[in-house]
Amino acid sequence: MNSVMLSLREAIVQRVQDKSQSELQEIIRDSIDGDEKALPGLGVLFEMIWKNSDDSQQQHMLETLHKQLT
């Protein structure tokens, strides 16, 4: 076993790091409504999007999510 263990976040980022936009889109589309094993990966990707979004983009995401939950 490798003595350097990657965190789940790091492993997910490494898996998608050098992908094109179309490859990322395919990964996301394949993960949505797919196997629940993909959910942590989507969570990491969402975390990256959230951290790099301004307040208005975050507000839009929250409004969209809230609409889906009500």
PDB file of N, CA and C in Angstrom:
ATOM      1  N   MET A   1       0.842  -1.179   0.000  1.00  0.00           N
ATOM      2  CA  MET A   1       0.000   0.000   0.000  1.00  0.00           C
ATOM      3  C   MET A   1       0.885   1.239   0.000  1.00  0.00           C
ATOM      4  N   ASN A   2       0.475   2.246  -0.752  1.00  0.00           N
ATOM      5  CA  ASN A   2       1.246   3.471  -0.865  1.00  0.00           C
ATOM      6  C   ASN A   2       1.280   4.188   0.472  1.00  0.00           C
ATOM      7  N   SER A   3       2.466   4.669   0.876  1.00  0.00           N
ATOM      8  CA  SER A   3       2.585   5.329   2.170  1.00  0.00           C
ATOM      9  C   SER A   3       1.960   6.718   2.166  1.00  0.00           C
ATOM     10  N   VAL A   4       1.748   7.286   0.984  1.00  0.00           N
ATOM     11  CA  VAL A   4       1.107   8.596   0.884  1.00  0.00           C
ATOM     12  C   VAL A   4      -0.351   8.372   0.490  1.00  0.00           C
ATOM     13  N   MET A   5      -1.236   8.570   1.462  1.00  0.00           N
ATOM     14  CA  MET A   5      -2.660   8.365   1.201  1.00  0.00           C
ATOM     15  C   MET A   5      -3.289   9.696   0.804  1.00  0.00           C
ATOM     16  N   LEU A   6      -4.056   9.672  -0.251  1.00  0.00           N
ATOM     17  CA  LEU A   6      -4.765  10.866  -0.688  1.00  0.00           C
ATOM     18  C   LEU A   6      -6.102  10.968   0.032  1.00  0.00           C
ATOM     19  N   SER A   7      -6.493  12.173   0.323  1.00  0.00           N
ATOM     20  CA  SER A   7      -7.839  12.356   0.855  1.00  0.00           C
ATOM     21  C   SER A   7      -8.822  12.115  -0.285  1.00  0.00           C
ATOM     22  N   LEU A   8     -10.058  11.916   0.072  1.00  0.00           N
ATOM     23  CA  LEU A   8     -11.091  11.709  -0.945  1.00  0.00           C
ATOM     24  C   LEU A   8     -11.162  12.912  -1.870  1.00  0.00           C
ATOM     25  N   ARG A   9     -11.122  14.118  -1.295  1.00  0.00           N
ATOM     26  CA  ARG A   9     -11.154  15.333  -2.116  1.00  0.00           C
ATOM     27  C   ARG A   9     -10.009  15.345  -3.115  1.00  0.00           C
ATOM     28  N   GLU A  10      -8.810  15.098  -2.628  1.00  0.00           N
ATOM     29  CA  GLU A  10      -7.626  15.126  -3.498  1.00  0.00           C
ATOM     30  C   GLU A  10      -7.732  14.088  -4.605  1.00  0.00           C
ATOM     31  N   ALA A  11      -8.208  12.911  -4.278  1.00  0.00           N
ATOM     32  CA  ALA A  11      -8.348  11.852  -5.280  1.00  0.00           C
ATOM     33  C   ALA A  11      -9.355  12.246  -6.352  1.00  0.00           C
ATOM     34  N   ILE A  12     -10.455  12.850  -5.944  1.00  0.00           N
ATOM     35  CA  ILE A  12     -11.473  13.270  -6.914  1.00  0.00           C
ATOM     36  C   ILE A  12     -10.938  14.375  -7.802  1.00  0.00           C
ATOM     37  N   VAL A  13     -10.263  15.354  -7.204  1.00  0.00           N
ATOM     38  CA  VAL A  13      -9.702  16.451  -7.993  1.00  0.00           C
ATOM     39  C   VAL A  13      -8.687  15.917  -8.988  1.00  0.00           C
ATOM     40  N   GLN A  14      -7.830  15.012  -8.559  1.00  0.00           N
ATOM     41  CA  GLN A  14      -6.834  14.445  -9.474  1.00  0.00           C
ATOM     42  C   GLN A  14      -7.501  13.703 -10.626  1.00  0.00           C
ATOM     43  N   ARG A  15      -8.618  13.051 -10.347  1.00  0.00           N
ATOM     44  CA  ARG A  15      -9.312  12.275 -11.389  1.00  0.00           C
ATOM     45  C   ARG A  15      -9.855  13.172 -12.501  1.00  0.00           C
ATOM     46  N   VAL A  16     -10.246  14.394 -12.145  1.00  0.00           N
ATOM     47  CA  VAL A  16     -10.880  15.266 -13.130  1.00  0.00           C
ATOM     48  C   VAL A  16     -10.019  16.458 -13.545  1.00  0.00           C
ATOM     49  N   GLN A  17      -8.867  16.611 -12.942  1.00  0.00           N
ATOM     50  CA  GLN A  17      -8.060  17.809 -13.092  1.00  0.00           C
ATOM     51  C   GLN A  17      -7.745  18.206 -14.528  1.00  0.00           C
ATOM     52  N   ASP A  18      -7.353  17.314 -15.362  1.00  0.00           N
ATOM     53  CA  ASP A  18      -6.925  17.659 -16.720  1.00  0.00           C
ATOM     54  C   ASP A  18      -7.977  17.355 -17.780  1.00  0.00           C
ATOM     55  N   LYS A  19      -9.222  17.252 -17.358  1.00  0.00           N
ATOM     56  CA  LYS A  19     -10.302  16.948 -18.302  1.00  0.00           C
ATOM     57  C   LYS A  19     -10.735  18.209 -19.036  1.00  0.00           C
ATOM     58  N   SER A  20     -11.205  18.033 -20.258  1.00  0.00           N
ATOM     59  CA  SER A  20     -11.768  19.150 -21.020  1.00  0.00           C
ATOM     60  C   SER A  20     -13.149  19.472 -20.460  1.00  0.00           C
ATOM     61  N   GLN A  21     -13.710  20.602 -20.887  1.00  0.00           N
ATOM     62  CA  GLN A  21     -15.060  20.953 -20.448  1.00  0.00           C
ATOM     63  C   GLN A  21     -16.074  19.907 -20.874  1.00  0.00           C
ATOM     64  N   SER A  22     -15.931  19.386 -22.072  1.00  0.00           N
ATOM     65  CA  SER A  22     -16.890  18.359 -22.523  1.00  0.00           C
ATOM     66  C   SER A  22     -16.728  17.070 -21.725  1.00  0.00           C
ATOM     67  N   GLU A  23     -15.516  16.728 -21.356  1.00  0.00           N
ATOM     68  CA  GLU A  23     -15.300  15.536 -20.523  1.00  0.00           C
ATOM     69  C   GLU A  23     -15.887  15.742 -19.130  1.00  0.00           C
ATOM     70  N   LEU A  24     -15.715  16.950 -18.573  1.00  0.00           N
ATOM     71  CA  LEU A  24     -16.305  17.247 -17.264  1.00  0.00           C
ATOM     72  C   LEU A  24     -17.824  17.172 -17.335  1.00  0.00           C
ATOM     73  N   GLN A  25     -18.388  17.702 -18.404  1.00  0.00           N
ATOM     74  CA  GLN A  25     -19.837  17.649 -18.576  1.00  0.00           C
ATOM     75  C   GLN A  25     -20.316  16.196 -18.627  1.00  0.00           C
ATOM     76  N   GLU A  26     -19.604  15.363 -19.328  1.00  0.00           N
ATOM     77  CA  GLU A  26     -19.973  13.943 -19.422  1.00  0.00           C
ATOM     78  C   GLU A  26     -19.887  13.263 -18.058  1.00  0.00           C
ATOM     79  N   ILE A  27     -18.837  13.560 -17.310  1.00  0.00           N
ATOM     80  CA  ILE A  27     -18.685  12.979 -15.971  1.00  0.00           C
ATOM     81  C   ILE A  27     -19.853  13.390 -15.088  1.00  0.00           C
ATOM     82  N   ILE A  28     -20.208  14.669 -15.125  1.00  0.00           N
ATOM     83  CA  ILE A  28     -21.317  15.164 -14.298  1.00  0.00           C
ATOM     84  C   ILE A  28     -22.628  14.528 -14.734  1.00  0.00           C
ATOM     85  N   ARG A  29     -22.901  14.518 -16.032  1.00  0.00           N
ATOM     86  CA  ARG A  29     -24.156  13.927 -16.521  1.00  0.00           C
ATOM     87  C   ARG A  29     -24.252  12.446 -16.183  1.00  0.00           C
ATOM     88  N   ASP A  30     -23.143  11.728 -16.293  1.00  0.00           N
ATOM     89  CA  ASP A  30     -23.151  10.303 -15.973  1.00  0.00           C
ATOM     90  C   ASP A  30     -23.346  10.060 -14.481  1.00  0.00           C
ATOM     91  N   SER A  31     -22.902  11.013 -13.655  1.00  0.00           N
ATOM     92  CA  SER A  31     -22.989  10.858 -12.202  1.00  0.00           C
ATOM     93  C   SER A  31     -24.373  11.191 -11.667  1.00  0.00           C
ATOM     94  N   ILE A  32     -25.052  12.125 -12.311  1.00  0.00           N
ATOM     95  CA  ILE A  32     -26.380  12.539 -11.847  1.00  0.00           C
ATOM     96  C   ILE A  32     -27.373  11.421 -12.104  1.00  0.00           C
ATOM     97  N   ASP A  33     -28.134  11.103 -11.077  1.00  0.00           N
ATOM     98  CA  ASP A  33     -29.123  10.019 -11.111  1.00  0.00           C
ATOM     99  C   ASP A  33     -28.485   8.655 -11.348  1.00  0.00           C
ATOM    100  N   GLY A  34     -27.184   8.570 -11.170  1.00  0.00           N
ATOM    101  CA  GLY A  34     -26.491   7.303 -11.343  1.00  0.00           C
ATOM    102  C   GLY A  34     -26.244   6.639 -10.008  1.00  0.00           C
ATOM    103  N   ASP A  35     -25.209   5.867  -9.974  1.00  0.00           N
ATOM    104  CA  ASP A  35     -24.814   5.131  -8.778  1.00  0.00           C
ATOM    105  C   ASP A  35     -24.495   6.113  -7.647  1.00  0.00           C
ATOM    106  N   GLU A  36     -24.928   5.794  -6.443  1.00  0.00           N
ATOM    107  CA  GLU A  36     -24.686   6.682  -5.307  1.00  0.00           C
ATOM    108  C   GLU A  36     -23.203   6.839  -4.982  1.00  0.00           C
ATOM    109  N   LYS A  37     -22.372   5.963  -5.504  1.00  0.00           N
ATOM    110  CA  LYS A  37     -20.931   6.102  -5.279  1.00  0.00           C
ATOM    111  C   LYS A  37     -20.399   7.390  -5.890  1.00  0.00           C
ATOM    112  N   ALA A  38     -21.112   7.956  -6.860  1.00  0.00           N
ATOM    113  CA  ALA A  38     -20.679   9.189  -7.518  1.00  0.00           C
ATOM    114  C   ALA A  38     -21.009  10.434  -6.701  1.00  0.00           C
ATOM    115  N   LEU A  39     -21.883  10.326  -5.714  1.00  0.00           N
ATOM    116  CA  LEU A  39     -22.327  11.500  -4.960  1.00  0.00           C
ATOM    117  C   LEU A  39     -21.186  12.243  -4.255  1.00  0.00           C
ATOM    118  N   PRO A  40     -20.242  11.570  -3.623  1.00  0.00           N
ATOM    119  CA  PRO A  40     -19.134  12.329  -3.014  1.00  0.00           C
ATOM    120  C   PRO A  40     -18.345  13.135  -4.049  1.00  0.00           C
ATOM    121  N   GLY A  41     -18.174  12.593  -5.225  1.00  0.00           N
ATOM    122  CA  GLY A  41     -17.463  13.313  -6.273  1.00  0.00           C
ATOM    123  C   GLY A  41     -18.207  14.559  -6.704  1.00  0.00           C
ATOM    124  N   LEU A  42     -19.526  14.438  -6.846  1.00  0.00           N
ATOM    125  CA  LEU A  42     -20.330  15.609  -7.192  1.00  0.00           C
ATOM    126  C   LEU A  42     -20.269  16.646  -6.077  1.00  0.00           C
ATOM    127  N   GLY A  43     -20.216  16.175  -4.844  1.00  0.00           N
ATOM    128  CA  GLY A  43     -20.101  17.097  -3.715  1.00  0.00           C
ATOM    129  C   GLY A  43     -18.800  17.882  -3.748  1.00  0.00           C
ATOM    130  N   VAL A  44     -17.713  17.218  -4.083  1.00  0.00           N
ATOM    131  CA  VAL A  44     -16.418  17.896  -4.186  1.00  0.00           C
ATOM    132  C   VAL A  44     -16.446  18.908  -5.323  1.00  0.00           C
ATOM    133  N   LEU A  45     -17.030  18.532  -6.452  1.00  0.00           N
ATOM    134  CA  LEU A  45     -17.123  19.467  -7.575  1.00  0.00           C
ATOM    135  C   LEU A  45     -18.000  20.658  -7.217  1.00  0.00           C
ATOM    136  N   PHE A  46     -19.107  20.409  -6.519  1.00  0.00           N
ATOM    137  CA  PHE A  46     -19.966  21.511  -6.094  1.00  0.00           C
ATOM    138  C   PHE A  46     -19.221  22.426  -5.127  1.00  0.00           C
ATOM    139  N   GLU A  47     -18.458  21.846  -4.222  1.00  0.00           N
ATOM    140  CA  GLU A  47     -17.669  22.644  -3.285  1.00  0.00           C
ATOM    141  C   GLU A  47     -16.717  23.580  -4.032  1.00  0.00           C
ATOM    142  N   MET A  48     -16.084  23.082  -5.081  1.00  0.00           N
ATOM    143  CA  MET A  48     -15.174  23.903  -5.880  1.00  0.00           C
ATOM    144  C   MET A  48     -15.934  25.037  -6.559  1.00  0.00           C
ATOM    145  N   ILE A  49     -17.098  24.721  -7.109  1.00  0.00           N
ATOM    146  CA  ILE A  49     -17.913  25.744  -7.767  1.00  0.00           C
ATOM    147  C   ILE A  49     -18.346  26.795  -6.748  1.00  0.00           C
ATOM    148  N   TRP A  50     -18.839  26.356  -5.600  1.00  0.00           N
ATOM    149  CA  TRP A  50     -19.328  27.267  -4.574  1.00  0.00           C
ATOM    150  C   TRP A  50     -18.222  28.220  -4.112  1.00  0.00           C
ATOM    151  N   LYS A  51     -17.050  27.670  -3.820  1.00  0.00           N
ATOM    152  CA  LYS A  51     -15.939  28.490  -3.318  1.00  0.00           C
ATOM    153  C   LYS A  51     -15.461  29.508  -4.345  1.00  0.00           C
ATOM    154  N   ASN A  52     -15.699  29.242  -5.617  1.00  0.00           N
ATOM    155  CA  ASN A  52     -15.235  30.136  -6.676  1.00  0.00           C
ATOM    156  C   ASN A  52     -16.368  30.928  -7.309  1.00  0.00           C
ATOM    157  N   SER A  53     -17.488  31.019  -6.609  1.00  0.00           N
ATOM    158  CA  SER A  53     -18.640  31.787  -7.083  1.00  0.00           C
ATOM    159  C   SER A  53     -18.782  33.045  -6.231  1.00  0.00           C
ATOM    160  N   ASP A  54     -19.243  34.108  -6.873  1.00  0.00           N
ATOM    161  CA  ASP A  54     -19.489  35.322  -6.108  1.00  0.00           C
ATOM    162  C   ASP A  54     -20.841  35.212  -5.403  1.00  0.00           C
ATOM    163  N   ASP A  55     -21.160  36.216  -4.602  1.00  0.00           N
ATOM    164  CA  ASP A  55     -22.387  36.175  -3.805  1.00  0.00           C
ATOM    165  C   ASP A  55     -23.642  36.014  -4.656  1.00  0.00           C
ATOM    166  N   SER A  56     -23.714  36.690  -5.798  1.00  0.00           N
ATOM    167  CA  SER A  56     -24.915  36.581  -6.629  1.00  0.00           C
ATOM    168  C   SER A  56     -25.047  35.191  -7.248  1.00  0.00           C
ATOM    169  N   GLN A  57     -23.936  34.583  -7.626  1.00  0.00           N
ATOM    170  CA  GLN A  57     -23.987  33.220  -8.158  1.00  0.00           C
ATOM    171  C   GLN A  57     -24.397  32.235  -7.064  1.00  0.00           C
ATOM    172  N   GLN A  58     -23.874  32.420  -5.860  1.00  0.00           N
ATOM    173  CA  GLN A  58     -24.262  31.554  -4.749  1.00  0.00           C
ATOM    174  C   GLN A  58     -25.747  31.714  -4.436  1.00  0.00           C
ATOM    175  N   GLN A  59     -26.234  32.946  -4.465  1.00  0.00           N
ATOM    176  CA  GLN A  59     -27.646  33.196  -4.208  1.00  0.00           C
ATOM    177  C   GLN A  59     -28.514  32.502  -5.257  1.00  0.00           C
ATOM    178  N   HIS A  60     -28.094  32.557  -6.519  1.00  0.00           N
ATOM    179  CA  HIS A  60     -28.842  31.881  -7.591  1.00  0.00           C
ATOM    180  C   HIS A  60     -28.876  30.369  -7.349  1.00  0.00           C
ATOM    181  N   MET A  61     -27.746  29.790  -6.954  1.00  0.00           N
ATOM    182  CA  MET A  61     -27.713  28.346  -6.671  1.00  0.00           C
ATOM    183  C   MET A  61     -28.640  28.010  -5.513  1.00  0.00           C
ATOM    184  N   LEU A  62     -28.625  28.849  -4.462  1.00  0.00           N
ATOM    185  CA  LEU A  62     -29.502  28.615  -3.320  1.00  0.00           C
ATOM    186  C   LEU A  62     -30.974  28.700  -3.717  1.00  0.00           C
ATOM    187  N   GLU A  63     -31.319  29.685  -4.530  1.00  0.00           N
ATOM    188  CA  GLU A  63     -32.705  29.824  -4.991  1.00  0.00           C
ATOM    189  C   GLU A  63     -33.129  28.618  -5.812  1.00  0.00           C
ATOM    190  N   THR A  64     -32.250  28.167  -6.688  1.00  0.00           N
ATOM    191  CA  THR A  64     -32.547  26.989  -7.508  1.00  0.00           C
ATOM    192  C   THR A  64     -32.742  25.761  -6.636  1.00  0.00           C
ATOM    193  N   LEU A  65     -31.855  25.555  -5.681  1.00  0.00           N
ATOM    194  CA  LEU A  65     -31.971  24.415  -4.774  1.00  0.00           C
ATOM    195  C   LEU A  65     -33.247  24.509  -3.953  1.00  0.00           C
ATOM    196  N   HIS A  66     -33.531  25.679  -3.414  1.00  0.00           N
ATOM    197  CA  HIS A  66     -34.717  25.849  -2.599  1.00  0.00           C
ATOM    198  C   HIS A  66     -35.988  25.533  -3.387  1.00  0.00           C
ATOM    199  N   LYS A  67     -36.041  25.977  -4.635  1.00  0.00           N
ATOM    200  CA  LYS A  67     -37.209  25.692  -5.482  1.00  0.00           C
ATOM    201  C   LYS A  67     -37.396  24.184  -5.678  1.00  0.00           C
ATOM    202  N   GLN A  68     -36.297  23.467  -5.781  1.00  0.00           N
ATOM    203  CA  GLN A  68     -36.388  22.015  -5.990  1.00  0.00           C
ATOM    204  C   GLN A  68     -36.828  21.279  -4.733  1.00  0.00           C
ATOM    205  N   LEU A  69     -36.616  21.903  -3.588  1.00  0.00           N
ATOM    206  CA  LEU A  69     -36.934  21.255  -2.315  1.00  0.00           C
ATOM    207  C   LEU A  69     -38.300  21.631  -1.767  1.00  0.00           C
ATOM    208  N   THR A  70     -38.980  22.573  -2.411  1.00  0.00           N
ATOM    209  CA  THR A  70     -40.280  22.986  -1.909  1.00  0.00           C
ATOM    210  C   THR A  70     -41.393  22.582  -2.856  1.00  0.00           C
TER     211      THR A  70
END
